[in-house]
Amino acid sequence: IEVAKIDDMSTKIPGIFVGGEASCISI
């Protein structure tokens, strides 16, 4: 899931935060 802000792993959907394999921040 595309991450909107790396600092808190928030997404474009308010209240949804992602981490690990569910997230995509180009690590």
mmCIF file of all heavy atoms, coordinates in Angstrom:
data_MODEL
# 
_entry.id   MODEL 
# 
loop_
_atom_site.group_PDB 
_atom_site.id 
_atom_site.type_symbol 
_atom_site.label_atom_id 
_atom_site.label_alt_id 
_atom_site.label_comp_id 
_atom_site.label_asym_id 
_atom_site.label_entity_id 
_atom_site.label_seq_id 
_atom_site.pdbx_PDB_ins_code 
_atom_site.Cartn_x 
_atom_site.Cartn_y 
_atom_site.Cartn_z 
_atom_site.occupancy 
_atom_site.B_iso_or_equiv 
_atom_site.pdbx_formal_charge 
_atom_site.auth_seq_id 
_atom_site.auth_comp_id 
_atom_site.auth_asym_id 
_atom_site.auth_atom_id 
_atom_site.pdbx_PDB_model_num 
ATOM 1   N N   . ILE A 1 1  ? 0.843  -1.184  0.000  1.00 0.00 ? 1  ILE A N   1 
ATOM 2   C CA  . ILE A 1 1  ? 0.000  0.000   0.000  1.00 0.00 ? 1  ILE A CA  1 
ATOM 3   C C   . ILE A 1 1  ? 0.886  1.244   0.000  1.00 0.00 ? 1  ILE A C   1 
ATOM 4   O O   . ILE A 1 1  ? 1.827  1.362   0.791  1.00 0.00 ? 1  ILE A O   1 
ATOM 5   C CB  . ILE A 1 1  ? -0.909 0.011   1.240  1.00 0.00 ? 1  ILE A CB  1 
ATOM 6   C CG1 . ILE A 1 1  ? -1.793 -1.241  1.244  1.00 0.00 ? 1  ILE A CG1 1 
ATOM 7   C CG2 . ILE A 1 1  ? -1.777 1.270   1.268  1.00 0.00 ? 1  ILE A CG2 1 
ATOM 8   C CD1 . ILE A 1 1  ? -2.525 -1.461  2.538  1.00 0.00 ? 1  ILE A CD1 1 
ATOM 9   N N   . GLU A 1 2  ? 0.575  2.166   -0.895 1.00 0.00 ? 2  GLU A N   1 
ATOM 10  C CA  . GLU A 1 2  ? 1.377  3.386   -1.006 1.00 0.00 ? 2  GLU A CA  1 
ATOM 11  C C   . GLU A 1 2  ? 1.293  4.201   0.286  1.00 0.00 ? 2  GLU A C   1 
ATOM 12  O O   . GLU A 1 2  ? 0.209  4.475   0.798  1.00 0.00 ? 2  GLU A O   1 
ATOM 13  C CB  . GLU A 1 2  ? 0.888  4.230   -2.177 1.00 0.00 ? 2  GLU A CB  1 
ATOM 14  C CG  . GLU A 1 2  ? 1.706  5.480   -2.415 1.00 0.00 ? 2  GLU A CG  1 
ATOM 15  C CD  . GLU A 1 2  ? 1.126  6.352   -3.510 1.00 0.00 ? 2  GLU A CD  1 
ATOM 16  O OE1 . GLU A 1 2  ? 0.019  6.026   -4.007 1.00 0.00 ? 2  GLU A OE1 1 
ATOM 17  O OE2 . GLU A 1 2  ? 1.761  7.363   -3.854 1.00 0.00 ? 2  GLU A OE2 1 
ATOM 18  N N   . VAL A 1 3  ? 2.456  4.589   0.785  1.00 0.00 ? 3  VAL A N   1 
ATOM 19  C CA  . VAL A 1 3  ? 2.534  5.389   2.010  1.00 0.00 ? 3  VAL A CA  1 
ATOM 20  C C   . VAL A 1 3  ? 2.599  6.864   1.646  1.00 0.00 ? 3  VAL A C   1 
ATOM 21  O O   . VAL A 1 3  ? 3.384  7.271   0.793  1.00 0.00 ? 3  VAL A O   1 
ATOM 22  C CB  . VAL A 1 3  ? 3.765  4.993   2.844  1.00 0.00 ? 3  VAL A CB  1 
ATOM 23  C CG1 . VAL A 1 3  ? 3.957  5.938   4.018  1.00 0.00 ? 3  VAL A CG1 1 
ATOM 24  C CG2 . VAL A 1 3  ? 3.627  3.562   3.340  1.00 0.00 ? 3  VAL A CG2 1 
ATOM 25  N N   . ALA A 1 4  ? 1.759  7.666   2.279  1.00 0.00 ? 4  ALA A N   1 
ATOM 26  C CA  . ALA A 1 4  ? 1.722  9.100   1.985  1.00 0.00 ? 4  ALA A CA  1 
ATOM 27  C C   . ALA A 1 4  ? 2.790  9.863   2.757  1.00 0.00 ? 4  ALA A C   1 
ATOM 28  O O   . ALA A 1 4  ? 3.372  10.820  2.246  1.00 0.00 ? 4  ALA A O   1 
ATOM 29  C CB  . ALA A 1 4  ? 0.334  9.658   2.310  1.00 0.00 ? 4  ALA A CB  1 
ATOM 30  N N   . LYS A 1 5  ? 3.076  9.421   3.990  1.00 0.00 ? 5  LYS A N   1 
ATOM 31  C CA  . LYS A 1 5  ? 4.029  10.127  4.840  1.00 0.00 ? 5  LYS A CA  1 
ATOM 32  C C   . LYS A 1 5  ? 4.877  9.111   5.585  1.00 0.00 ? 5  LYS A C   1 
ATOM 33  O O   . LYS A 1 5  ? 4.358  8.354   6.419  1.00 0.00 ? 5  LYS A O   1 
ATOM 34  C CB  . LYS A 1 5  ? 3.277  11.031  5.827  1.00 0.00 ? 5  LYS A CB  1 
ATOM 35  C CG  . LYS A 1 5  ? 4.170  11.938  6.652  1.00 0.00 ? 5  LYS A CG  1 
ATOM 36  C CD  . LYS A 1 5  ? 3.324  12.805  7.580  1.00 0.00 ? 5  LYS A CD  1 
ATOM 37  C CE  . LYS A 1 5  ? 4.201  13.689  8.457  1.00 0.00 ? 5  LYS A CE  1 
ATOM 38  N NZ  . LYS A 1 5  ? 3.386  14.477  9.414  1.00 0.00 ? 5  LYS A NZ  1 
ATOM 39  N N   . ILE A 1 6  ? 6.146  9.102   5.300  1.00 0.00 ? 6  ILE A N   1 
ATOM 40  C CA  . ILE A 1 6  ? 7.041  8.096   5.880  1.00 0.00 ? 6  ILE A CA  1 
ATOM 41  C C   . ILE A 1 6  ? 7.154  8.252   7.397  1.00 0.00 ? 6  ILE A C   1 
ATOM 42  O O   . ILE A 1 6  ? 7.313  7.268   8.119  1.00 0.00 ? 6  ILE A O   1 
ATOM 43  C CB  . ILE A 1 6  ? 8.438  8.177   5.222  1.00 0.00 ? 6  ILE A CB  1 
ATOM 44  C CG1 . ILE A 1 6  ? 8.342  7.810   3.739  1.00 0.00 ? 6  ILE A CG1 1 
ATOM 45  C CG2 . ILE A 1 6  ? 9.432  7.268   5.919  1.00 0.00 ? 6  ILE A CG2 1 
ATOM 46  C CD1 . ILE A 1 6  ? 9.642  7.966   2.986  1.00 0.00 ? 6  ILE A CD1 1 
ATOM 47  N N   . ASP A 1 7  ? 7.076  9.481   7.891  1.00 0.00 ? 7  ASP A N   1 
ATOM 48  C CA  . ASP A 1 7  ? 7.282  9.728   9.322  1.00 0.00 ? 7  ASP A CA  1 
ATOM 49  C C   . ASP A 1 7  ? 6.325  8.942   10.205 1.00 0.00 ? 7  ASP A C   1 
ATOM 50  O O   . ASP A 1 7  ? 6.674  8.559   11.328 1.00 0.00 ? 7  ASP A O   1 
ATOM 51  C CB  . ASP A 1 7  ? 7.120  11.227  9.630  1.00 0.00 ? 7  ASP A CB  1 
ATOM 52  C CG  . ASP A 1 7  ? 8.206  12.062  8.966  1.00 0.00 ? 7  ASP A CG  1 
ATOM 53  O OD1 . ASP A 1 7  ? 9.191  11.467  8.483  1.00 0.00 ? 7  ASP A OD1 1 
ATOM 54  O OD2 . ASP A 1 7  ? 8.070  13.296  8.903  1.00 0.00 ? 7  ASP A OD2 1 
ATOM 55  N N   . ASP A 1 8  ? 5.093  8.724   9.733  1.00 0.00 ? 8  ASP A N   1 
ATOM 56  C CA  . ASP A 1 8  ? 4.128  8.010   10.564 1.00 0.00 ? 8  ASP A CA  1 
ATOM 57  C C   . ASP A 1 8  ? 3.463  6.835   9.831  1.00 0.00 ? 8  ASP A C   1 
ATOM 58  O O   . ASP A 1 8  ? 2.544  6.218   10.356 1.00 0.00 ? 8  ASP A O   1 
ATOM 59  C CB  . ASP A 1 8  ? 3.056  8.967   11.097 1.00 0.00 ? 8  ASP A CB  1 
ATOM 60  C CG  . ASP A 1 8  ? 2.267  9.643   9.981  1.00 0.00 ? 8  ASP A CG  1 
ATOM 61  O OD1 . ASP A 1 8  ? 2.465  9.288   8.794  1.00 0.00 ? 8  ASP A OD1 1 
ATOM 62  O OD2 . ASP A 1 8  ? 1.440  10.528  10.286 1.00 0.00 ? 8  ASP A OD2 1 
ATOM 63  N N   . MET A 1 9  ? 3.927  6.555   8.577  1.00 0.00 ? 9  MET A N   1 
ATOM 64  C CA  . MET A 1 9  ? 3.413  5.442   7.769  1.00 0.00 ? 9  MET A CA  1 
ATOM 65  C C   . MET A 1 9  ? 1.916  5.566   7.523  1.00 0.00 ? 9  MET A C   1 
ATOM 66  O O   . MET A 1 9  ? 1.195  4.581   7.425  1.00 0.00 ? 9  MET A O   1 
ATOM 67  C CB  . MET A 1 9  ? 3.730  4.091   8.431  1.00 0.00 ? 9  MET A CB  1 
ATOM 68  C CG  . MET A 1 9  ? 5.221  3.826   8.616  1.00 0.00 ? 9  MET A CG  1 
ATOM 69  S SD  . MET A 1 9  ? 6.153  3.819   7.077  1.00 0.00 ? 9  MET A SD  1 
ATOM 70  C CE  . MET A 1 9  ? 5.569  2.319   6.313  1.00 0.00 ? 9  MET A CE  1 
ATOM 71  N N   . SER A 1 10 ? 1.447  6.807   7.406  1.00 0.00 ? 10 SER A N   1 
ATOM 72  C CA  . SER A 1 10 ? 0.037  7.028   7.087  1.00 0.00 ? 10 SER A CA  1 
ATOM 73  C C   . SER A 1 10 ? -0.177 6.862   5.587  1.00 0.00 ? 10 SER A C   1 
ATOM 74  O O   . SER A 1 10 ? 0.754  6.961   4.783  1.00 0.00 ? 10 SER A O   1 
ATOM 75  C CB  . SER A 1 10 ? -0.393 8.427   7.531  1.00 0.00 ? 10 SER A CB  1 
ATOM 76  O OG  . SER A 1 10 ? 0.441  9.418   6.923  1.00 0.00 ? 10 SER A OG  1 
ATOM 77  N N   . THR A 1 11 ? -1.418 6.594   5.211  1.00 0.00 ? 11 THR A N   1 
ATOM 78  C CA  . THR A 1 11 ? -1.778 6.430   3.804  1.00 0.00 ? 11 THR A CA  1 
ATOM 79  C C   . THR A 1 11 ? -2.705 7.570   3.378  1.00 0.00 ? 11 THR A C   1 
ATOM 80  O O   . THR A 1 11 ? -3.012 8.464   4.171  1.00 0.00 ? 11 THR A O   1 
ATOM 81  C CB  . THR A 1 11 ? -2.495 5.083   3.584  1.00 0.00 ? 11 THR A CB  1 
ATOM 82  O OG1 . THR A 1 11 ? -3.770 5.115   4.232  1.00 0.00 ? 11 THR A OG1 1 
ATOM 83  C CG2 . THR A 1 11 ? -1.673 3.929   4.145  1.00 0.00 ? 11 THR A CG2 1 
ATOM 84  N N   . LYS A 1 12 ? -3.169 7.488   2.140  1.00 0.00 ? 12 LYS A N   1 
ATOM 85  C CA  . LYS A 1 12 ? -4.086 8.514   1.658  1.00 0.00 ? 12 LYS A CA  1 
ATOM 86  C C   . LYS A 1 12 ? -5.478 8.376   2.274  1.00 0.00 ? 12 LYS A C   1 
ATOM 87  O O   . LYS A 1 12 ? -6.312 9.266   2.151  1.00 0.00 ? 12 LYS A O   1 
ATOM 88  C CB  . LYS A 1 12 ? -4.175 8.452   0.137  1.00 0.00 ? 12 LYS A CB  1 
ATOM 89  C CG  . LYS A 1 12 ? -2.879 8.846   -0.567 1.00 0.00 ? 12 LYS A CG  1 
ATOM 90  C CD  . LYS A 1 12 ? -3.004 8.741   -2.074 1.00 0.00 ? 12 LYS A CD  1 
ATOM 91  C CE  . LYS A 1 12 ? -1.702 9.149   -2.754 1.00 0.00 ? 12 LYS A CE  1 
ATOM 92  N NZ  . LYS A 1 12 ? -1.794 9.043   -4.238 1.00 0.00 ? 12 LYS A NZ  1 
ATOM 93  N N   . ILE A 1 13 ? -5.711 7.223   2.922  1.00 0.00 ? 13 ILE A N   1 
ATOM 94  C CA  . ILE A 1 13 ? -6.997 6.998   3.596  1.00 0.00 ? 13 ILE A CA  1 
ATOM 95  C C   . ILE A 1 13 ? -6.842 7.367   5.069  1.00 0.00 ? 13 ILE A C   1 
ATOM 96  O O   . ILE A 1 13 ? -6.047 6.741   5.776  1.00 0.00 ? 13 ILE A O   1 
ATOM 97  C CB  . ILE A 1 13 ? -7.438 5.527   3.472  1.00 0.00 ? 13 ILE A CB  1 
ATOM 98  C CG1 . ILE A 1 13 ? -7.517 5.120   1.997  1.00 0.00 ? 13 ILE A CG1 1 
ATOM 99  C CG2 . ILE A 1 13 ? -8.776 5.305   4.158  1.00 0.00 ? 13 ILE A CG2 1 
ATOM 100 C CD1 . ILE A 1 13 ? -7.802 3.649   1.786  1.00 0.00 ? 13 ILE A CD1 1 
ATOM 101 N N   . PRO A 1 14 ? -7.542 8.379   5.554  1.00 0.00 ? 14 PRO A N   1 
ATOM 102 C CA  . PRO A 1 14 ? -7.403 8.798   6.953  1.00 0.00 ? 14 PRO A CA  1 
ATOM 103 C C   . PRO A 1 14 ? -7.641 7.643   7.924  1.00 0.00 ? 14 PRO A C   1 
ATOM 104 O O   . PRO A 1 14 ? -8.612 6.900   7.796  1.00 0.00 ? 14 PRO A O   1 
ATOM 105 C CB  . PRO A 1 14 ? -8.481 9.873   7.107  1.00 0.00 ? 14 PRO A CB  1 
ATOM 106 C CG  . PRO A 1 14 ? -8.702 10.392  5.723  1.00 0.00 ? 14 PRO A CG  1 
ATOM 107 C CD  . PRO A 1 14 ? -8.529 9.211   4.824  1.00 0.00 ? 14 PRO A CD  1 
ATOM 108 N N   . GLY A 1 15 ? -6.725 7.500   8.884  1.00 0.00 ? 15 GLY A N   1 
ATOM 109 C CA  . GLY A 1 15 ? -6.883 6.472   9.904  1.00 0.00 ? 15 GLY A CA  1 
ATOM 110 C C   . GLY A 1 15 ? -6.276 5.132   9.548  1.00 0.00 ? 15 GLY A C   1 
ATOM 111 O O   . GLY A 1 15 ? -6.259 4.224   10.377 1.00 0.00 ? 15 GLY A O   1 
ATOM 112 N N   . ILE A 1 16 ? -5.757 4.985   8.319  1.00 0.00 ? 16 ILE A N   1 
ATOM 113 C CA  . ILE A 1 16 ? -5.132 3.730   7.905  1.00 0.00 ? 16 ILE A CA  1 
ATOM 114 C C   . ILE A 1 16 ? -3.625 3.917   7.894  1.00 0.00 ? 16 ILE A C   1 
ATOM 115 O O   . ILE A 1 16 ? -3.092 4.778   7.185  1.00 0.00 ? 16 ILE A O   1 
ATOM 116 C CB  . ILE A 1 16 ? -5.619 3.279   6.511  1.00 0.00 ? 16 ILE A CB  1 
ATOM 117 C CG1 . ILE A 1 16 ? -7.129 3.054   6.517  1.00 0.00 ? 16 ILE A CG1 1 
ATOM 118 C CG2 . ILE A 1 16 ? -4.889 2.019   6.072  1.00 0.00 ? 16 ILE A CG2 1 
ATOM 119 C CD1 . ILE A 1 16 ? -7.590 1.931   7.424  1.00 0.00 ? 16 ILE A CD1 1 
ATOM 120 N N   . PHE A 1 17 ? -2.936 3.089   8.673  1.00 0.00 ? 17 PHE A N   1 
ATOM 121 C CA  . PHE A 1 17 ? -1.478 3.117   8.752  1.00 0.00 ? 17 PHE A CA  1 
ATOM 122 C C   . PHE A 1 17 ? -0.948 1.721   8.407  1.00 0.00 ? 17 PHE A C   1 
ATOM 123 O O   . PHE A 1 17 ? -1.575 0.718   8.765  1.00 0.00 ? 17 PHE A O   1 
ATOM 124 C CB  . PHE A 1 17 ? -1.025 3.507   10.164 1.00 0.00 ? 17 PHE A CB  1 
ATOM 125 C CG  . PHE A 1 17 ? -1.483 4.886   10.568 1.00 0.00 ? 17 PHE A CG  1 
ATOM 126 C CD1 . PHE A 1 17 ? -2.784 5.098   11.007 1.00 0.00 ? 17 PHE A CD1 1 
ATOM 127 C CD2 . PHE A 1 17 ? -0.629 5.975   10.512 1.00 0.00 ? 17 PHE A CD2 1 
ATOM 128 C CE1 . PHE A 1 17 ? -3.233 6.359   11.373 1.00 0.00 ? 17 PHE A CE1 1 
ATOM 129 C CE2 . PHE A 1 17 ? -1.066 7.249   10.875 1.00 0.00 ? 17 PHE A CE2 1 
ATOM 130 C CZ  . PHE A 1 17 ? -2.371 7.432   11.308 1.00 0.00 ? 17 PHE A CZ  1 
ATOM 131 N N   . VAL A 1 18 ? 0.163  1.658   7.694  1.00 0.00 ? 18 VAL A N   1 
ATOM 132 C CA  . VAL A 1 18 ? 0.666  0.362   7.242  1.00 0.00 ? 18 VAL A CA  1 
ATOM 133 C C   . VAL A 1 18 ? 2.143  0.187   7.583  1.00 0.00 ? 18 VAL A C   1 
ATOM 134 O O   . VAL A 1 18 ? 2.890  1.161   7.710  1.00 0.00 ? 18 VAL A O   1 
ATOM 135 C CB  . VAL A 1 18 ? 0.474  0.184   5.717  1.00 0.00 ? 18 VAL A CB  1 
ATOM 136 C CG1 . VAL A 1 18 ? -0.991 0.057   5.372  1.00 0.00 ? 18 VAL A CG1 1 
ATOM 137 C CG2 . VAL A 1 18 ? 1.111  1.330   4.942  1.00 0.00 ? 18 VAL A CG2 1 
ATOM 138 N N   . GLY A 1 19 ? 2.545  -1.068  7.744  1.00 0.00 ? 19 GLY A N   1 
ATOM 139 C CA  . GLY A 1 19 ? 3.939  -1.356  8.026  1.00 0.00 ? 19 GLY A CA  1 
ATOM 140 C C   . GLY A 1 19 ? 4.314  -2.724  7.484  1.00 0.00 ? 19 GLY A C   1 
ATOM 141 O O   . GLY A 1 19 ? 3.446  -3.518  7.091  1.00 0.00 ? 19 GLY A O   1 
ATOM 142 N N   . GLY A 1 20 ? 5.598  -3.016  7.458  1.00 0.00 ? 20 GLY A N   1 
ATOM 143 C CA  . GLY A 1 20 ? 6.064  -4.323  6.998  1.00 0.00 ? 20 GLY A CA  1 
ATOM 144 C C   . GLY A 1 20 ? 5.754  -4.561  5.537  1.00 0.00 ? 20 GLY A C   1 
ATOM 145 O O   . GLY A 1 20 ? 5.763  -3.636  4.721  1.00 0.00 ? 20 GLY A O   1 
ATOM 146 N N   . GLU A 1 21 ? 5.438  -5.810  5.209  1.00 0.00 ? 21 GLU A N   1 
ATOM 147 C CA  . GLU A 1 21 ? 5.182  -6.169  3.817  1.00 0.00 ? 21 GLU A CA  1 
ATOM 148 C C   . GLU A 1 21 ? 3.917  -5.520  3.264  1.00 0.00 ? 21 GLU A C   1 
ATOM 149 O O   . GLU A 1 21 ? 3.730  -5.462  2.048  1.00 0.00 ? 21 GLU A O   1 
ATOM 150 C CB  . GLU A 1 21 ? 5.066  -7.687  3.668  1.00 0.00 ? 21 GLU A CB  1 
ATOM 151 C CG  . GLU A 1 21 ? 6.391  -8.409  3.752  1.00 0.00 ? 21 GLU A CG  1 
ATOM 152 C CD  . GLU A 1 21 ? 6.250  -9.903  3.490  1.00 0.00 ? 21 GLU A CD  1 
ATOM 153 O OE1 . GLU A 1 21 ? 5.974  -10.284 2.336  1.00 0.00 ? 21 GLU A OE1 1 
ATOM 154 O OE2 . GLU A 1 21 ? 6.400  -10.688 4.448  1.00 0.00 ? 21 GLU A OE2 1 
ATOM 155 N N   . ALA A 1 22 ? 3.044  -5.047  4.133  1.00 0.00 ? 22 ALA A N   1 
ATOM 156 C CA  . ALA A 1 22 ? 1.824  -4.399  3.655  1.00 0.00 ? 22 ALA A CA  1 
ATOM 157 C C   . ALA A 1 22 ? 2.108  -3.000  3.126  1.00 0.00 ? 22 ALA A C   1 
ATOM 158 O O   . ALA A 1 22 ? 1.281  -2.415  2.435  1.00 0.00 ? 22 ALA A O   1 
ATOM 159 C CB  . ALA A 1 22 ? 0.795  -4.318  4.786  1.00 0.00 ? 22 ALA A CB  1 
ATOM 160 N N   . SER A 1 23 ? 3.274  -2.455  3.437  1.00 0.00 ? 23 SER A N   1 
ATOM 161 C CA  . SER A 1 23 ? 3.595  -1.076  3.072  1.00 0.00 ? 23 SER A CA  1 
ATOM 162 C C   . SER A 1 23 ? 4.553  -1.013  1.896  1.00 0.00 ? 23 SER A C   1 
ATOM 163 O O   . SER A 1 23 ? 5.233  -1.987  1.570  1.00 0.00 ? 23 SER A O   1 
ATOM 164 C CB  . SER A 1 23 ? 4.227  -0.356  4.272  1.00 0.00 ? 23 SER A CB  1 
ATOM 165 O OG  . SER A 1 23 ? 5.486  -0.940  4.589  1.00 0.00 ? 23 SER A OG  1 
ATOM 166 N N   . CYS A 1 24 ? 4.578  0.134   1.236  1.00 0.00 ? 24 CYS A N   1 
ATOM 167 C CA  . CYS A 1 24 ? 5.527  0.352   0.146  1.00 0.00 ? 24 CYS A CA  1 
ATOM 168 C C   . CYS A 1 24 ? 6.104  1.752   0.282  1.00 0.00 ? 24 CYS A C   1 
ATOM 169 O O   . CYS A 1 24 ? 5.457  2.744   -0.042 1.00 0.00 ? 24 CYS A O   1 
ATOM 170 C CB  . CYS A 1 24 ? 4.856  0.185   -1.212 1.00 0.00 ? 24 CYS A CB  1 
ATOM 171 S SG  . CYS A 1 24 ? 6.029  0.258   -2.578 1.00 0.00 ? 24 CYS A SG  1 
ATOM 172 N N   . ILE A 1 25 ? 7.347  1.837   0.779  1.00 0.00 ? 25 ILE A N   1 
ATOM 173 C CA  . ILE A 1 25 ? 8.026  3.132   0.891  1.00 0.00 ? 25 ILE A CA  1 
ATOM 174 C C   . ILE A 1 25 ? 9.402  3.081   0.253  1.00 0.00 ? 25 ILE A C   1 
ATOM 175 O O   . ILE A 1 25 ? 10.291 3.835   0.588  1.00 0.00 ? 25 ILE A O   1 
ATOM 176 C CB  . ILE A 1 25 ? 8.137  3.583   2.368  1.00 0.00 ? 25 ILE A CB  1 
ATOM 177 C CG1 . ILE A 1 25 ? 8.841  2.522   3.208  1.00 0.00 ? 25 ILE A CG1 1 
ATOM 178 C CG2 . ILE A 1 25 ? 6.797  3.922   2.947  1.00 0.00 ? 25 ILE A CG2 1 
ATOM 179 C CD1 . ILE A 1 25 ? 9.208  3.023   4.587  1.00 0.00 ? 25 ILE A CD1 1 
ATOM 180 N N   . SER A 1 26 ? 9.575  2.132   -0.679 1.00 0.00 ? 26 SER A N   1 
ATOM 181 C CA  . SER A 1 26 ? 10.791 2.043   -1.489 1.00 0.00 ? 26 SER A CA  1 
ATOM 182 C C   . SER A 1 26 ? 12.036 1.674   -0.679 1.00 0.00 ? 26 SER A C   1 
ATOM 183 O O   . SER A 1 26 ? 13.144 2.064   -1.022 1.00 0.00 ? 26 SER A O   1 
ATOM 184 C CB  . SER A 1 26 ? 11.036 3.363   -2.238 1.00 0.00 ? 26 SER A CB  1 
ATOM 185 O OG  . SER A 1 26 ? 11.958 3.174   -3.282 1.00 0.00 ? 26 SER A OG  1 
ATOM 186 N N   . ILE A 1 27 ? 11.848 0.918   0.390  1.00 0.00 ? 27 ILE A N   1 
ATOM 187 C CA  . ILE A 1 27 ? 13.013 0.378   1.089  1.00 0.00 ? 27 ILE A CA  1 
ATOM 188 C C   . ILE A 1 27 ? 13.752 -0.603  0.187  1.00 0.00 ? 27 ILE A C   1 
ATOM 189 O O   . ILE A 1 27 ? 14.970 -0.664  0.171  1.00 0.00 ? 27 ILE A O   1 
ATOM 190 C CB  . ILE A 1 27 ? 12.591 -0.329  2.397  1.00 0.00 ? 27 ILE A CB  1 
ATOM 191 C CG1 . ILE A 1 27 ? 12.205 0.697   3.454  1.00 0.00 ? 27 ILE A CG1 1 
ATOM 192 C CG2 . ILE A 1 27 ? 13.705 -1.214  2.927  1.00 0.00 ? 27 ILE A CG2 1 
ATOM 193 C CD1 . ILE A 1 27 ? 11.739 0.091   4.751  1.00 0.00 ? 27 ILE A CD1 1 
# 
